[in-house]
Amino acid sequence: VAVLRDMTEERRMDKLREDFVANVSHELKTPIAMLQGYSEAIVDDIAESEEEKKELAGIILDESKRMGRLVNELLDLARLEAGHMKLHY
C-alpha cells in the first residue's frame, strides 16, 4: 500500500512562515538597537543639554511605540490564525 500526498502547499506555507519570521526579526531589531543606543547616550551623558536629552527621550518614545505596534500586529495575527478573531468584510 502506498500513499501519495501533495506537499507543495505545505512547503509554500512553511517558506512564507520562515520569510515572515525573518522580516519580523529584522523589523524588531532596528528599534531595539535604536532604543539601546539612545538610552546609552542619555546614561553616559553624551547628550549634555536638557534639549538634547528631551530629543533623545522623544526618539526612544517613538521607537518603543513602534515596537508596541509591531507586537500588537503579531498578536492579532496569532489570534486570527488561532480562530479567536473574525474578519468582517
Protein backbone atom coordinates (compact mmCIF):
# COMPACT_ATOMS: atom_id res chain seq x y z
CA VAL A 1 0.00 0.00 0.00
CA ALA A 2 1.39 3.39 -0.97
CA VAL A 3 0.02 6.78 -0.05
CA LEU A 4 0.91 9.81 -2.13
CA ARG A 5 0.39 13.24 -0.74
CA ASP A 6 0.98 16.59 -2.43
CA MET A 7 3.16 18.64 -0.06
CA THR A 8 3.50 21.65 -2.37
CA GLU A 9 1.07 23.87 -0.46
CA GLU A 10 2.54 22.93 2.93
CA ARG A 11 6.08 23.70 1.75
CA ARG A 12 4.93 27.02 0.32
CA MET A 13 3.30 27.91 3.66
CA ASP A 14 6.44 26.90 5.55
CA LYS A 15 8.51 29.16 3.29
CA LEU A 16 6.08 32.05 3.85
CA ARG A 17 6.27 31.49 7.59
CA GLU A 18 10.09 31.46 7.53
CA ASP A 19 10.16 34.67 5.50
CA PHE A 20 7.65 36.28 7.85
CA VAL A 21 9.71 35.41 10.93
CA ALA A 22 12.85 36.77 9.27
CA ASN A 23 11.09 40.04 8.38
CA VAL A 24 9.62 40.44 11.86
CA SER A 25 13.02 39.80 13.42
CA HIS A 26 14.54 42.50 11.25
CA GLU A 27 11.72 44.95 11.99
CA LEU A 28 12.14 44.45 15.74
CA LYS A 29 15.93 44.55 15.65
CA THR A 30 16.06 48.11 14.32
CA PRO A 31 14.03 49.84 17.05
CA ILE A 32 15.71 47.75 19.76
CA ALA A 33 19.12 48.88 18.53
CA MET A 34 17.94 52.49 18.46
CA LEU A 35 16.50 52.25 21.97
CA GLN A 36 19.75 50.85 23.24
CA GLY A 37 21.90 53.46 21.51
CA TYR A 38 19.88 56.49 22.58
CA SER A 39 19.47 55.16 26.12
CA GLU A 40 23.22 54.72 26.40
CA ALA A 41 23.70 58.27 25.14
CA ILE A 42 21.49 59.58 27.94
CA VAL A 43 23.06 57.37 30.63
CA ASP A 44 26.62 58.20 29.53
CA ASP A 45 25.82 61.94 29.47
CA ILE A 46 26.66 62.26 25.80
CA ALA A 47 23.62 64.47 25.49
CA GLU A 48 24.67 67.39 27.63
CA SER A 49 21.82 69.87 27.38
CA GLU A 50 18.27 69.29 28.52
CA GLU A 51 17.10 69.91 24.97
CA GLU A 52 19.33 67.11 23.63
CA LYS A 53 18.13 64.75 26.36
CA LYS A 54 14.49 65.55 25.55
CA GLU A 55 15.15 64.90 21.86
CA LEU A 56 16.75 61.54 22.62
CA ALA A 57 13.92 60.65 25.01
CA GLY A 58 11.42 61.54 22.26
CA ILE A 59 13.18 59.20 19.85
CA ILE A 60 13.14 56.46 22.48
CA LEU A 61 9.41 57.01 22.99
CA ASP A 62 8.71 56.88 19.24
CA GLU A 63 10.72 53.68 18.78
CA SER A 64 9.08 51.99 21.77
CA LYS A 65 5.66 52.87 20.32
CA ARG A 66 6.80 51.40 17.00
CA MET A 67 7.79 48.18 18.73
CA GLY A 68 4.47 48.09 20.55
CA ARG A 69 2.58 48.39 17.27
CA LEU A 70 4.64 45.57 15.75
CA VAL A 71 3.99 43.31 18.74
CA ASN A 72 0.26 44.10 18.69
CA GLU A 73 0.11 43.25 14.99
CA LEU A 74 1.85 39.95 15.69
CA LEU A 75 -0.64 39.19 18.45
CA ASP A 76 -3.52 40.00 16.10
CA LEU A 77 -2.08 37.62 13.51
CA ALA A 78 -1.74 34.90 16.13
CA ARG A 79 -5.37 35.42 17.19
CA LEU A 80 -6.51 35.24 13.56
CA GLU A 81 -4.56 32.06 12.99
CA ALA A 82 -5.96 30.50 16.17
CA GLY A 83 -9.50 31.43 15.13
CA HIS A 84 -10.10 33.73 18.09
CA MET A 85 -10.75 36.74 15.89
CA LYS A 86 -13.10 37.16 12.98
CA LEU A 87 -12.69 39.41 9.98
CA HIS A 88 -15.67 41.50 8.94
CA TYR A 89 -15.51 42.26 5.24
